[in-house]
Amino acid sequence: DVNFRILYGAAKVTKDRETISGDNYMCTAEDNGQFFMCLSDGMGSGLEACKESEHVVDLLEQLVESGFSGESAAKLVNSVLNLQMRGGKFSTVDVSIIDLYTGMCHFLKAGAATTFIKRDQWVESMALGLVFPADYESLTKKLYNGDFLIMVTDGVLDALPEERAEETLKEIILQTHAKAPQELGRGILQKVLALCEYKAADDMTVLAAGVWKK
């Protein structure tokens, strides 16, 4: 049996005057003990952006279900996206793959925003940067019992003061005391919205997952 279990939750808000979010996500447990999380942000907002990011998530889900490893699936989807890129339009690919045996988490990003890890009274950012989608960046970190993983779309960071957006979000995460991932995601999003006077200039999504020893 695996050594860790995961619960996750998401909080979303659409851009002002839009009815459809351009952000989509997917979380699934693979048969090999890997927990796969994907967050995709379609360029722009509205129906077209939603279709683009939904396409990314659906492709990833199909590949993982077909037996591809999470990393292979993510890299393949990114290659497909680069071939299909139309008129400069792209969807970000943000993937976290957690090994439920070891607690190791592999981060894969293409054009995606920073991911955060919350551990007790400490928050670390997986700052791989907003690179051009053709480039893939990866990083591996060990997760421990009680850790929270927080993935966001760039609308969340863009709503914060530009010169210290990451630091501000770290402070918000620290100040959000929640024991359930869903509550944590909602609490973070509420605090971000309060700072931007509840005016969402872009779609915002917070995807949070908690890791616990079995």
N, C-alpha and C. Protein backbone atom coordinates (compact mmCIF):
# COMPACT_ATOMS: atom_id res chain seq x y z
N ASP A 1 0.84 -1.19 0.00
CA ASP A 1 0.00 0.00 0.00
C ASP A 1 0.88 1.24 0.00
N VAL A 2 0.32 2.36 -0.50
CA VAL A 2 1.07 3.62 -0.52
C VAL A 2 1.19 4.18 0.90
N ASN A 3 2.14 5.10 1.08
CA ASN A 3 2.41 5.66 2.41
C ASN A 3 1.71 6.99 2.67
N PHE A 4 1.23 7.63 1.61
CA PHE A 4 0.60 8.94 1.76
C PHE A 4 -0.79 8.95 1.11
N ARG A 5 -1.64 9.82 1.64
CA ARG A 5 -2.94 10.06 1.01
C ARG A 5 -3.06 11.55 0.74
N ILE A 6 -3.88 11.90 -0.23
CA ILE A 6 -4.01 13.29 -0.64
C ILE A 6 -5.47 13.69 -0.75
N LEU A 7 -5.78 14.88 -0.24
CA LEU A 7 -7.08 15.51 -0.46
C LEU A 7 -6.81 16.82 -1.19
N TYR A 8 -7.72 17.20 -2.09
CA TYR A 8 -7.50 18.44 -2.82
C TYR A 8 -8.80 19.22 -2.94
N GLY A 9 -8.68 20.50 -3.24
CA GLY A 9 -9.83 21.36 -3.46
C GLY A 9 -9.43 22.53 -4.32
N ALA A 10 -10.40 23.16 -4.97
CA ALA A 10 -10.10 24.30 -5.84
C ALA A 10 -11.05 25.45 -5.57
N ALA A 11 -10.54 26.65 -5.77
CA ALA A 11 -11.36 27.86 -5.67
C ALA A 11 -11.12 28.68 -6.93
N LYS A 12 -12.21 29.13 -7.55
CA LYS A 12 -12.09 29.84 -8.82
C LYS A 12 -12.95 31.09 -8.85
N VAL A 13 -12.51 32.07 -9.61
CA VAL A 13 -13.35 33.23 -9.91
C VAL A 13 -13.05 33.63 -11.35
N THR A 14 -14.09 34.03 -12.07
CA THR A 14 -13.88 34.43 -13.46
C THR A 14 -13.57 35.92 -13.54
N LYS A 15 -12.96 36.30 -14.63
CA LYS A 15 -12.65 37.71 -14.88
C LYS A 15 -13.93 38.52 -14.86
N ASP A 16 -13.84 39.75 -14.37
CA ASP A 16 -15.01 40.64 -14.35
C ASP A 16 -15.66 40.71 -15.73
N ARG A 17 -16.99 40.61 -15.76
CA ARG A 17 -17.80 40.71 -16.97
C ARG A 17 -17.66 39.48 -17.88
N GLU A 18 -17.06 38.42 -17.37
CA GLU A 18 -17.02 37.15 -18.10
C GLU A 18 -17.85 36.12 -17.34
N THR A 19 -18.43 35.18 -18.06
CA THR A 19 -19.24 34.15 -17.40
C THR A 19 -18.52 32.79 -17.40
N ILE A 20 -17.49 32.66 -18.24
CA ILE A 20 -16.77 31.38 -18.35
C ILE A 20 -15.29 31.61 -18.05
N SER A 21 -14.74 30.75 -17.19
CA SER A 21 -13.32 30.85 -16.84
C SER A 21 -12.45 30.19 -17.90
N GLY A 22 -11.32 30.79 -18.18
CA GLY A 22 -10.35 30.21 -19.12
C GLY A 22 -9.40 29.25 -18.44
N ASP A 23 -9.59 29.03 -17.13
CA ASP A 23 -8.74 28.10 -16.37
C ASP A 23 -9.42 26.74 -16.24
N ASN A 24 -8.65 25.67 -16.37
CA ASN A 24 -9.17 24.32 -16.14
C ASN A 24 -8.14 23.51 -15.37
N TYR A 25 -8.61 22.51 -14.62
CA TYR A 25 -7.68 21.68 -13.86
C TYR A 25 -8.15 20.23 -13.83
N MET A 26 -7.26 19.35 -13.41
CA MET A 26 -7.57 17.93 -13.30
C MET A 26 -6.67 17.31 -12.24
N CYS A 27 -7.25 16.44 -11.42
CA CYS A 27 -6.49 15.70 -10.41
C CYS A 27 -6.90 14.24 -10.49
N THR A 28 -5.92 13.35 -10.52
CA THR A 28 -6.25 11.93 -10.62
C THR A 28 -5.15 11.08 -10.00
N ALA A 29 -5.53 9.97 -9.41
CA ALA A 29 -4.57 9.02 -8.84
C ALA A 29 -4.29 7.94 -9.89
N GLU A 30 -3.01 7.72 -10.18
CA GLU A 30 -2.63 6.70 -11.15
C GLU A 30 -2.45 5.36 -10.44
N ASP A 31 -2.53 4.28 -11.21
CA ASP A 31 -2.40 2.93 -10.65
C ASP A 31 -1.02 2.66 -10.06
N ASN A 32 -0.01 3.40 -10.52
CA ASN A 32 1.36 3.16 -10.05
C ASN A 32 1.72 3.95 -8.79
N GLY A 33 0.68 4.49 -8.12
CA GLY A 33 0.95 5.20 -6.87
C GLY A 33 1.34 6.66 -7.05
N GLN A 34 1.11 7.20 -8.23
CA GLN A 34 1.39 8.61 -8.49
C GLN A 34 0.08 9.40 -8.44
N PHE A 35 0.13 10.57 -7.81
CA PHE A 35 -1.03 11.46 -7.82
C PHE A 35 -0.71 12.62 -8.75
N PHE A 36 -1.55 12.81 -9.76
CA PHE A 36 -1.27 13.72 -10.87
C PHE A 36 -2.19 14.93 -10.78
N MET A 37 -1.61 16.13 -10.75
CA MET A 37 -2.38 17.37 -10.71
C MET A 37 -1.96 18.25 -11.88
N CYS A 38 -2.95 18.77 -12.58
CA CYS A 38 -2.66 19.65 -13.72
C CYS A 38 -3.55 20.88 -13.66
N LEU A 39 -2.95 22.04 -13.92
CA LEU A 39 -3.67 23.30 -13.98
C LEU A 39 -3.28 23.99 -15.28
N SER A 40 -4.26 24.37 -16.07
CA SER A 40 -3.97 25.02 -17.35
C SER A 40 -4.74 26.33 -17.47
N ASP A 41 -4.04 27.35 -17.93
CA ASP A 41 -4.60 28.69 -18.06
C ASP A 41 -4.61 29.05 -19.55
N GLY A 42 -5.81 29.11 -20.13
CA GLY A 42 -5.92 29.48 -21.55
C GLY A 42 -5.65 30.96 -21.73
N MET A 43 -5.00 31.32 -22.82
CA MET A 43 -4.67 32.73 -23.06
C MET A 43 -5.95 33.55 -23.20
N GLY A 44 -6.00 34.66 -22.48
CA GLY A 44 -7.18 35.51 -22.50
C GLY A 44 -8.22 35.00 -21.52
N SER A 45 -9.48 35.18 -21.85
CA SER A 45 -10.56 34.72 -20.98
C SER A 45 -11.76 34.37 -21.84
N GLY A 46 -12.80 33.85 -21.20
CA GLY A 46 -14.01 33.52 -21.93
C GLY A 46 -13.97 32.14 -22.56
N LEU A 47 -14.93 31.88 -23.47
CA LEU A 47 -15.15 30.55 -24.03
C LEU A 47 -13.93 30.02 -24.79
N GLU A 48 -13.29 30.87 -25.59
CA GLU A 48 -12.15 30.42 -26.40
C GLU A 48 -11.00 29.97 -25.50
N ALA A 49 -10.71 30.76 -24.48
CA ALA A 49 -9.63 30.41 -23.53
C ALA A 49 -9.98 29.12 -22.79
N CYS A 50 -11.26 28.97 -22.44
CA CYS A 50 -11.71 27.76 -21.74
C CYS A 50 -11.50 26.53 -22.61
N LYS A 51 -11.87 26.64 -23.89
CA LYS A 51 -11.70 25.51 -24.81
C LYS A 51 -10.22 25.12 -24.95
N GLU A 52 -9.35 26.12 -25.03
CA GLU A 52 -7.92 25.86 -25.19
C GLU A 52 -7.36 25.11 -23.98
N SER A 53 -7.66 25.60 -22.78
CA SER A 53 -7.11 24.96 -21.57
C SER A 53 -7.78 23.61 -21.30
N GLU A 54 -9.06 23.50 -21.66
CA GLU A 54 -9.77 22.24 -21.50
C GLU A 54 -9.15 21.17 -22.40
N HIS A 55 -8.72 21.59 -23.59
CA HIS A 55 -8.06 20.70 -24.54
C HIS A 55 -6.77 20.13 -23.92
N VAL A 56 -6.01 21.00 -23.26
CA VAL A 56 -4.77 20.57 -22.59
C VAL A 56 -5.07 19.53 -21.51
N VAL A 57 -6.02 19.85 -20.65
CA VAL A 57 -6.36 18.96 -19.53
C VAL A 57 -6.89 17.62 -20.04
N ASP A 58 -7.75 17.66 -21.06
CA ASP A 58 -8.31 16.42 -21.61
C ASP A 58 -7.22 15.54 -22.22
N LEU A 59 -6.30 16.17 -22.95
CA LEU A 59 -5.19 15.42 -23.55
C LEU A 59 -4.35 14.74 -22.49
N LEU A 60 -4.02 15.49 -21.46
CA LEU A 60 -3.22 14.93 -20.36
C LEU A 60 -3.93 13.76 -19.70
N GLU A 61 -5.21 13.94 -19.44
CA GLU A 61 -5.98 12.88 -18.78
C GLU A 61 -6.01 11.61 -19.63
N GLN A 62 -6.22 11.77 -20.93
CA GLN A 62 -6.27 10.62 -21.83
C GLN A 62 -4.93 9.88 -21.87
N LEU A 63 -3.84 10.64 -21.92
CA LEU A 63 -2.52 10.02 -21.97
C LEU A 63 -2.19 9.27 -20.69
N VAL A 64 -2.51 9.89 -19.55
CA VAL A 64 -2.24 9.25 -18.26
C VAL A 64 -3.07 7.98 -18.12
N GLU A 65 -4.34 8.06 -18.51
CA GLU A 65 -5.20 6.89 -18.43
C GLU A 65 -4.78 5.78 -19.39
N SER A 66 -4.07 6.18 -20.47
CA SER A 66 -3.59 5.20 -21.44
C SER A 66 -2.30 4.51 -21.00
N GLY A 67 -1.74 4.97 -19.90
CA GLY A 67 -0.56 4.31 -19.37
C GLY A 67 0.72 5.11 -19.44
N PHE A 68 0.68 6.33 -20.01
CA PHE A 68 1.87 7.18 -20.03
C PHE A 68 2.16 7.65 -18.60
N SER A 69 3.42 7.81 -18.28
CA SER A 69 3.76 8.40 -16.98
C SER A 69 3.34 9.87 -17.02
N GLY A 70 3.12 10.46 -15.85
CA GLY A 70 2.71 11.87 -15.79
C GLY A 70 3.69 12.77 -16.51
N GLU A 71 4.99 12.51 -16.33
CA GLU A 71 6.01 13.37 -16.95
C GLU A 71 6.00 13.21 -18.47
N SER A 72 5.91 11.98 -18.94
CA SER A 72 5.89 11.74 -20.40
C SER A 72 4.66 12.40 -21.02
N ALA A 73 3.52 12.27 -20.34
CA ALA A 73 2.28 12.87 -20.84
C ALA A 73 2.40 14.38 -20.94
N ALA A 74 2.94 15.00 -19.89
CA ALA A 74 3.07 16.46 -19.87
C ALA A 74 4.00 16.96 -20.97
N LYS A 75 5.11 16.28 -21.16
CA LYS A 75 6.06 16.69 -22.19
C LYS A 75 5.48 16.50 -23.59
N LEU A 76 4.74 15.41 -23.77
CA LEU A 76 4.13 15.14 -25.07
C LEU A 76 3.07 16.19 -25.39
N VAL A 77 2.25 16.52 -24.40
CA VAL A 77 1.21 17.54 -24.60
C VAL A 77 1.85 18.89 -24.94
N ASN A 78 2.94 19.21 -24.27
CA ASN A 78 3.61 20.49 -24.56
C ASN A 78 4.13 20.52 -25.99
N SER A 79 4.65 19.38 -26.47
CA SER A 79 5.14 19.31 -27.85
C SER A 79 3.98 19.49 -28.83
N VAL A 80 2.85 18.85 -28.53
CA VAL A 80 1.66 18.97 -29.38
C VAL A 80 1.18 20.42 -29.42
N LEU A 81 1.17 21.07 -28.25
CA LEU A 81 0.72 22.47 -28.17
C LEU A 81 1.59 23.38 -29.02
N ASN A 82 2.90 23.15 -28.99
CA ASN A 82 3.81 23.99 -29.76
C ASN A 82 3.57 23.82 -31.26
N LEU A 83 3.19 22.62 -31.68
CA LEU A 83 2.88 22.38 -33.09
C LEU A 83 1.55 23.03 -33.47
N GLN A 84 0.63 23.07 -32.51
CA GLN A 84 -0.72 23.58 -32.78
C GLN A 84 -0.86 25.08 -32.52
N MET A 85 0.16 25.69 -31.95
CA MET A 85 0.04 27.10 -31.54
C MET A 85 -0.44 27.96 -32.70
N ARG A 86 -1.52 28.69 -32.48
CA ARG A 86 -2.12 29.48 -33.54
C ARG A 86 -2.12 30.96 -33.14
N GLY A 87 -1.55 31.77 -34.01
CA GLY A 87 -1.59 33.22 -33.80
C GLY A 87 -1.06 33.65 -32.44
N GLY A 88 -0.07 32.94 -31.93
CA GLY A 88 0.52 33.29 -30.64
C GLY A 88 -0.30 32.85 -29.45
N LYS A 89 -1.43 32.17 -29.69
CA LYS A 89 -2.29 31.71 -28.59
C LYS A 89 -1.70 30.43 -27.99
N PHE A 90 -1.71 30.35 -26.70
CA PHE A 90 -1.24 29.14 -26.04
C PHE A 90 -1.91 29.00 -24.68
N SER A 91 -1.88 27.78 -24.18
CA SER A 91 -2.35 27.52 -22.82
C SER A 91 -1.15 27.08 -22.00
N THR A 92 -1.07 27.54 -20.77
CA THR A 92 0.03 27.12 -19.91
C THR A 92 -0.18 25.67 -19.47
N VAL A 93 0.92 25.02 -19.17
CA VAL A 93 0.87 23.65 -18.64
C VAL A 93 1.58 23.66 -17.29
N ASP A 94 0.83 23.34 -16.23
CA ASP A 94 1.38 23.34 -14.88
C ASP A 94 1.03 22.01 -14.24
N VAL A 95 2.05 21.18 -14.00
CA VAL A 95 1.81 19.82 -13.53
C VAL A 95 2.60 19.54 -12.25
N SER A 96 1.95 18.90 -11.30
CA SER A 96 2.61 18.40 -10.08
C SER A 96 2.30 16.90 -9.99
N ILE A 97 3.35 16.09 -9.87
CA ILE A 97 3.18 14.65 -9.79
C ILE A 97 3.76 14.18 -8.45
N ILE A 98 2.90 13.69 -7.57
CA ILE A 98 3.32 13.29 -6.23
C ILE A 98 3.40 11.77 -6.14
N ASP A 99 4.55 11.28 -5.73
CA ASP A 99 4.74 9.85 -5.52
C ASP A 99 4.20 9.50 -4.13
N LEU A 100 3.12 8.73 -4.07
CA LEU A 100 2.47 8.45 -2.80
C LEU A 100 3.21 7.40 -1.96
N TYR A 101 4.27 6.83 -2.51
CA TYR A 101 5.13 5.92 -1.74
C TYR A 101 6.23 6.70 -1.01
N THR A 102 6.84 7.66 -1.73
CA THR A 102 8.01 8.36 -1.19
C THR A 102 7.74 9.79 -0.73
N GLY A 103 6.65 10.40 -1.24
CA GLY A 103 6.38 11.80 -0.93
C GLY A 103 7.12 12.77 -1.84
N MET A 104 7.89 12.25 -2.80
CA MET A 104 8.60 13.13 -3.73
C MET A 104 7.60 13.73 -4.72
N CYS A 105 7.74 15.04 -4.97
CA CYS A 105 6.86 15.73 -5.90
C CYS A 105 7.68 16.31 -7.04
N HIS A 106 7.26 15.99 -8.26
CA HIS A 106 7.93 16.47 -9.46
C HIS A 106 7.08 17.56 -10.08
N PHE A 107 7.68 18.74 -10.26
CA PHE A 107 6.97 19.88 -10.85
C PHE A 107 7.41 20.06 -12.29
N LEU A 108 6.45 20.22 -13.19
CA LEU A 108 6.73 20.47 -14.60
C LEU A 108 5.93 21.70 -15.02
N LYS A 109 6.61 22.67 -15.61
CA LYS A 109 5.92 23.92 -15.97
C LYS A 109 6.29 24.38 -17.37
N ALA A 110 5.29 24.86 -18.09
CA ALA A 110 5.51 25.52 -19.37
C ALA A 110 4.65 26.78 -19.38
N GLY A 111 5.28 27.92 -19.17
CA GLY A 111 4.56 29.19 -19.15
C GLY A 111 3.69 29.40 -17.93
N ALA A 112 3.87 28.56 -16.89
CA ALA A 112 2.96 28.58 -15.75
C ALA A 112 3.48 29.42 -14.58
N ALA A 113 2.55 29.82 -13.73
CA ALA A 113 2.88 30.63 -12.55
C ALA A 113 3.54 29.78 -11.46
N THR A 114 4.07 30.46 -10.47
CA THR A 114 4.77 29.82 -9.35
C THR A 114 3.84 28.93 -8.53
N THR A 115 4.38 27.81 -8.05
CA THR A 115 3.67 26.91 -7.13
C THR A 115 4.27 27.09 -5.74
N PHE A 116 3.46 26.89 -4.71
CA PHE A 116 3.91 27.11 -3.33
C PHE A 116 3.71 25.85 -2.48
N ILE A 117 4.63 25.65 -1.52
CA ILE A 117 4.49 24.57 -0.54
C ILE A 117 4.39 25.22 0.84
N LYS A 118 3.33 24.85 1.57
CA LYS A 118 3.15 25.35 2.94
C LYS A 118 3.46 24.23 3.92
N ARG A 119 4.36 24.51 4.84
CA ARG A 119 4.72 23.54 5.89
C ARG A 119 4.75 24.27 7.22
N ASP A 120 3.79 24.00 8.08
CA ASP A 120 3.69 24.69 9.38
C ASP A 120 3.71 26.20 9.17
N GLN A 121 4.70 26.90 9.73
CA GLN A 121 4.78 28.35 9.62
C GLN A 121 5.83 28.78 8.60
N TRP A 122 5.87 28.07 7.50
CA TRP A 122 6.90 28.32 6.49
C TRP A 122 6.30 28.05 5.11
N VAL A 123 6.62 28.91 4.15
CA VAL A 123 6.14 28.74 2.78
C VAL A 123 7.31 28.87 1.81
N GLU A 124 7.42 27.91 0.91
CA GLU A 124 8.47 27.95 -0.11
C GLU A 124 7.82 28.07 -1.48
N SER A 125 8.46 28.86 -2.36
CA SER A 125 7.93 28.99 -3.72
C SER A 125 8.76 28.19 -4.70
N MET A 126 8.07 27.48 -5.57
CA MET A 126 8.73 26.75 -6.65
C MET A 126 8.80 27.70 -7.84
N ALA A 127 9.75 28.64 -7.75
CA ALA A 127 9.81 29.73 -8.73
C ALA A 127 10.59 29.30 -9.97
N LEU A 128 9.89 28.63 -10.87
CA LEU A 128 10.52 28.23 -12.13
C LEU A 128 10.38 29.32 -13.18
N GLY A 129 9.59 30.32 -12.86
CA GLY A 129 9.49 31.47 -13.75
C GLY A 129 8.45 31.29 -14.85
N LEU A 130 8.00 32.40 -15.39
CA LEU A 130 7.06 32.39 -16.50
C LEU A 130 7.85 32.35 -17.80
N VAL A 131 8.20 31.16 -18.24
CA VAL A 131 9.00 31.01 -19.45
C VAL A 131 8.08 30.82 -20.65
N PHE A 132 8.64 31.01 -21.84
CA PHE A 132 7.87 30.78 -23.07
C PHE A 132 7.43 29.33 -23.09
N PRO A 133 6.19 29.05 -23.51
CA PRO A 133 5.66 27.69 -23.42
C PRO A 133 6.48 26.61 -24.14
N ALA A 134 7.29 27.01 -25.12
CA ALA A 134 8.09 26.01 -25.83
C ALA A 134 9.14 25.42 -24.90
N ASP A 135 9.49 26.16 -23.84
CA ASP A 135 10.49 25.69 -22.89
C ASP A 135 9.80 24.97 -21.74
N TYR A 136 10.41 23.89 -21.30
CA TYR A 136 9.86 23.14 -20.17
C TYR A 136 10.85 23.24 -19.02
N GLU A 137 10.36 23.51 -17.83
CA GLU A 137 11.22 23.52 -16.66
C GLU A 137 10.70 22.51 -15.65
N SER A 138 11.60 21.87 -14.94
CA SER A 138 11.17 20.89 -13.95
C SER A 138 11.99 20.99 -12.69
N LEU A 139 11.41 20.49 -11.61
CA LEU A 139 12.03 20.56 -10.29
C LEU A 139 11.42 19.46 -9.44
N THR A 140 12.20 18.89 -8.52
CA THR A 140 11.67 17.85 -7.64
C THR A 140 11.89 18.26 -6.18
N LYS A 141 10.86 18.08 -5.36
CA LYS A 141 10.93 18.41 -3.94
C LYS A 141 10.28 17.31 -3.11
N LYS A 142 10.78 17.11 -1.92
CA LYS A 142 10.20 16.13 -0.99
C LYS A 142 9.07 16.79 -0.21
N LEU A 143 7.91 16.12 -0.14
CA LEU A 143 6.79 16.59 0.66
C LEU A 143 6.68 15.72 1.91
N TYR A 144 6.24 16.33 3.00
CA TYR A 144 6.14 15.62 4.28
C TYR A 144 4.71 15.66 4.81
N ASN A 145 4.46 14.85 5.79
CA ASN A 145 3.14 14.77 6.42
C ASN A 145 2.65 16.17 6.84
N GLY A 146 1.45 16.51 6.40
CA GLY A 146 0.87 17.80 6.77
C GLY A 146 1.18 18.94 5.82
N ASP A 147 2.00 18.69 4.80
CA ASP A 147 2.31 19.74 3.83
C ASP A 147 1.10 20.05 2.95
N PHE A 148 1.04 21.29 2.50
CA PHE A 148 0.04 21.70 1.51
C PHE A 148 0.76 22.18 0.25
N LEU A 149 0.23 21.78 -0.89
CA LEU A 149 0.74 22.20 -2.18
C LEU A 149 -0.28 23.16 -2.78
N ILE A 150 0.16 24.35 -3.19
CA ILE A 150 -0.76 25.36 -3.71
C ILE A 150 -0.34 25.77 -5.11
N MET A 151 -1.19 25.46 -6.08
CA MET A 151 -0.95 25.85 -7.47
C MET A 151 -1.91 26.99 -7.82
N VAL A 152 -1.42 27.97 -8.57
CA VAL A 152 -2.27 29.12 -8.94
C VAL A 152 -2.08 29.46 -10.41
N THR A 153 -3.09 30.11 -10.99
CA THR A 153 -2.91 30.66 -12.33
C THR A 153 -2.38 32.09 -12.18
N ASP A 154 -1.85 32.64 -13.27
CA ASP A 154 -1.18 33.94 -13.13
C ASP A 154 -2.13 35.08 -12.78
N GLY A 155 -3.45 34.87 -12.96
CA GLY A 155 -4.40 35.90 -12.55
C GLY A 155 -4.34 36.19 -11.06
N VAL A 156 -3.96 35.18 -10.27
CA VAL A 156 -3.85 35.35 -8.82
C VAL A 156 -2.65 36.25 -8.49
N LEU A 157 -1.49 35.94 -9.06
CA LEU A 157 -0.29 36.73 -8.78
C LEU A 157 -0.41 38.13 -9.39
N ASP A 158 -1.03 38.23 -10.57
CA ASP A 158 -1.16 39.54 -11.24
C ASP A 158 -2.07 40.49 -10.48
N ALA A 159 -2.90 39.95 -9.58
CA ALA A 159 -3.81 40.79 -8.80
C ALA A 159 -3.10 41.44 -7.61
N LEU A 160 -1.86 41.03 -7.36
CA LEU A 160 -1.08 41.53 -6.21
C LEU A 160 -0.05 42.56 -6.67
N PRO A 161 0.49 43.37 -5.73
CA PRO A 161 1.47 44.39 -6.11
C PRO A 161 2.62 43.77 -6.91
N GLU A 162 2.86 44.29 -8.10
CA GLU A 162 3.78 43.68 -9.06
C GLU A 162 5.18 43.44 -8.50
N GLU A 163 5.69 44.42 -7.75
CA GLU A 163 7.09 44.34 -7.31
C GLU A 163 7.32 43.26 -6.25
N ARG A 164 6.25 42.81 -5.57
CA ARG A 164 6.44 41.76 -4.56
C ARG A 164 5.24 40.82 -4.51
N ALA A 165 4.78 40.43 -5.68
CA ALA A 165 3.59 39.58 -5.77
C ALA A 165 3.80 38.23 -5.07
N GLU A 166 4.94 37.59 -5.32
CA GLU A 166 5.20 36.28 -4.73
C GLU A 166 5.29 36.36 -3.21
N GLU A 167 6.00 37.37 -2.72
CA GLU A 167 6.15 37.53 -1.27
C GLU A 167 4.80 37.80 -0.61
N THR A 168 3.97 38.61 -1.28
CA THR A 168 2.63 38.91 -0.75
C THR A 168 1.79 37.64 -0.69
N LEU A 169 1.87 36.83 -1.74
CA LEU A 169 1.08 35.59 -1.74
C LEU A 169 1.59 34.61 -0.68
N LYS A 170 2.89 34.59 -0.46
CA LYS A 170 3.45 33.76 0.62
C LYS A 170 2.86 34.17 1.96
N GLU A 171 2.79 35.48 2.20
CA GLU A 171 2.23 36.00 3.45
C GLU A 171 0.75 35.62 3.58
N ILE A 172 0.01 35.71 2.49
CA ILE A 172 -1.41 35.35 2.49
C ILE A 172 -1.57 33.88 2.83
N ILE A 173 -0.74 33.02 2.21
CA ILE A 173 -0.81 31.58 2.47
C ILE A 173 -0.52 31.29 3.94
N LEU A 174 0.48 31.96 4.50
CA LEU A 174 0.82 31.78 5.91
C LEU A 174 -0.32 32.20 6.83
N GLN A 175 -1.01 33.26 6.44
CA GLN A 175 -2.08 33.82 7.28
C GLN A 175 -3.41 33.09 7.11
N THR A 176 -3.47 32.15 6.16
CA THR A 176 -4.71 31.41 5.93
C THR A 176 -4.64 30.09 6.67
N HIS A 177 -5.32 30.05 7.80
CA HIS A 177 -5.27 28.87 8.66
C HIS A 177 -6.46 27.96 8.34
N ALA A 178 -6.17 26.89 7.66
CA ALA A 178 -7.22 25.94 7.29
C ALA A 178 -6.65 24.54 7.34
N LYS A 179 -7.48 23.59 7.76
CA LYS A 179 -7.02 22.21 7.86
C LYS A 179 -7.42 21.39 6.64
N ALA A 180 -8.34 21.92 5.84
CA ALA A 180 -8.79 21.22 4.64
C ALA A 180 -8.35 22.01 3.40
N PRO A 181 -7.89 21.32 2.35
CA PRO A 181 -7.42 22.00 1.13
C PRO A 181 -8.46 22.93 0.52
N GLN A 182 -9.73 22.51 0.51
CA GLN A 182 -10.78 23.34 -0.07
C GLN A 182 -10.88 24.67 0.68
N GLU A 183 -10.84 24.60 2.01
CA GLU A 183 -10.91 25.83 2.83
C GLU A 183 -9.68 26.70 2.60
N LEU A 184 -8.53 26.05 2.45
CA LEU A 184 -7.29 26.80 2.23
C LEU A 184 -7.36 27.55 0.90
N GLY A 185 -7.78 26.86 -0.15
CA GLY A 185 -7.90 27.50 -1.46
C GLY A 185 -8.86 28.67 -1.45
N ARG A 186 -10.02 28.47 -0.81
CA ARG A 186 -11.02 29.55 -0.73
C ARG A 186 -10.49 30.73 0.07
N GLY A 187 -9.84 30.42 1.19
CA GLY A 187 -9.32 31.48 2.05
C GLY A 187 -8.27 32.33 1.34
N ILE A 188 -7.38 31.67 0.60
CA ILE A 188 -6.33 32.38 -0.15
C ILE A 188 -6.97 33.28 -1.20
N LEU A 189 -7.92 32.72 -1.95
CA LEU A 189 -8.56 33.50 -3.02
C LEU A 189 -9.32 34.70 -2.46
N GLN A 190 -10.00 34.51 -1.33
CA GLN A 190 -10.73 35.62 -0.70
C GLN A 190 -9.80 36.76 -0.31
N LYS A 191 -8.65 36.41 0.25
CA LYS A 191 -7.69 37.44 0.67
C LYS A 191 -7.10 38.18 -0.53
N VAL A 192 -6.83 37.45 -1.61
CA VAL A 192 -6.31 38.08 -2.83
C VAL A 192 -7.36 39.03 -3.41
N LEU A 193 -8.61 38.59 -3.46
CA LEU A 193 -9.68 39.43 -3.99
C LEU A 193 -9.87 40.69 -3.16
N ALA A 194 -9.73 40.55 -1.84
CA ALA A 194 -9.87 41.71 -0.95
C ALA A 194 -8.79 42.75 -1.26
N LEU A 195 -7.58 42.28 -1.58
CA LEU A 195 -6.48 43.21 -1.88
C LEU A 195 -6.67 43.93 -3.22
N CYS A 196 -7.40 43.31 -4.14
CA CYS A 196 -7.63 43.98 -5.43
C CYS A 196 -9.05 44.53 -5.52
N GLU A 197 -9.63 44.78 -4.32
CA GLU A 197 -10.95 45.40 -4.20
C GLU A 197 -12.04 44.62 -4.95
N TYR A 198 -11.89 43.30 -4.96
CA TYR A 198 -12.86 42.38 -5.56
C TYR A 198 -13.11 42.68 -7.04
N LYS A 199 -12.06 43.17 -7.72
CA LYS A 199 -12.14 43.40 -9.16
C LYS A 199 -11.15 42.46 -9.84
N ALA A 200 -11.66 41.39 -10.40
CA ALA A 200 -10.79 40.39 -11.03
C ALA A 200 -10.44 40.82 -12.45
N ALA A 201 -9.18 41.19 -12.66
CA ALA A 201 -8.73 41.62 -13.98
C ALA A 201 -8.46 40.42 -14.90
N ASP A 202 -8.45 39.24 -14.32
CA ASP A 202 -8.21 38.01 -15.08
C ASP A 202 -8.88 36.86 -14.32
N ASP A 203 -9.03 35.73 -14.99
CA ASP A 203 -9.52 34.54 -14.29
C ASP A 203 -8.52 34.16 -13.20
N MET A 204 -9.02 33.71 -12.08
CA MET A 204 -8.14 33.28 -10.98
C MET A 204 -8.55 31.89 -10.52
N THR A 205 -7.56 31.03 -10.35
CA THR A 205 -7.81 29.69 -9.80
C THR A 205 -6.73 29.34 -8.79
N VAL A 206 -7.15 28.81 -7.65
CA VAL A 206 -6.23 28.29 -6.63
C VAL A 206 -6.56 26.81 -6.47
N LEU A 207 -5.57 25.95 -6.73
CA LEU A 207 -5.73 24.51 -6.58
C LEU A 207 -4.83 24.08 -5.41
N ALA A 208 -5.43 23.55 -4.36
CA ALA A 208 -4.67 23.20 -3.16
C ALA A 208 -4.80 21.70 -2.86
N ALA A 209 -3.70 21.10 -2.41
CA ALA A 209 -3.72 19.68 -2.05
C ALA A 209 -2.98 19.50 -0.73
N GLY A 210 -3.53 18.66 0.14
CA GLY A 210 -2.89 18.35 1.42
C GLY A 210 -2.33 16.93 1.38
N VAL A 211 -1.15 16.74 1.97
CA VAL A 211 -0.47 15.44 1.97
C VAL A 211 -0.40 14.93 3.40
N TRP A 212 -0.90 13.71 3.62
CA TRP A 212 -0.86 13.14 4.97
C TRP A 212 -0.35 11.70 4.94
N LYS A 213 0.36 11.34 6.00
CA LYS A 213 0.81 9.94 6.15
C LYS A 213 -0.40 9.06 6.39
N LYS A 214 -0.40 7.88 5.82
CA LYS A 214 -1.51 6.94 6.03
C LYS A 214 -1.42 6.32 7.41
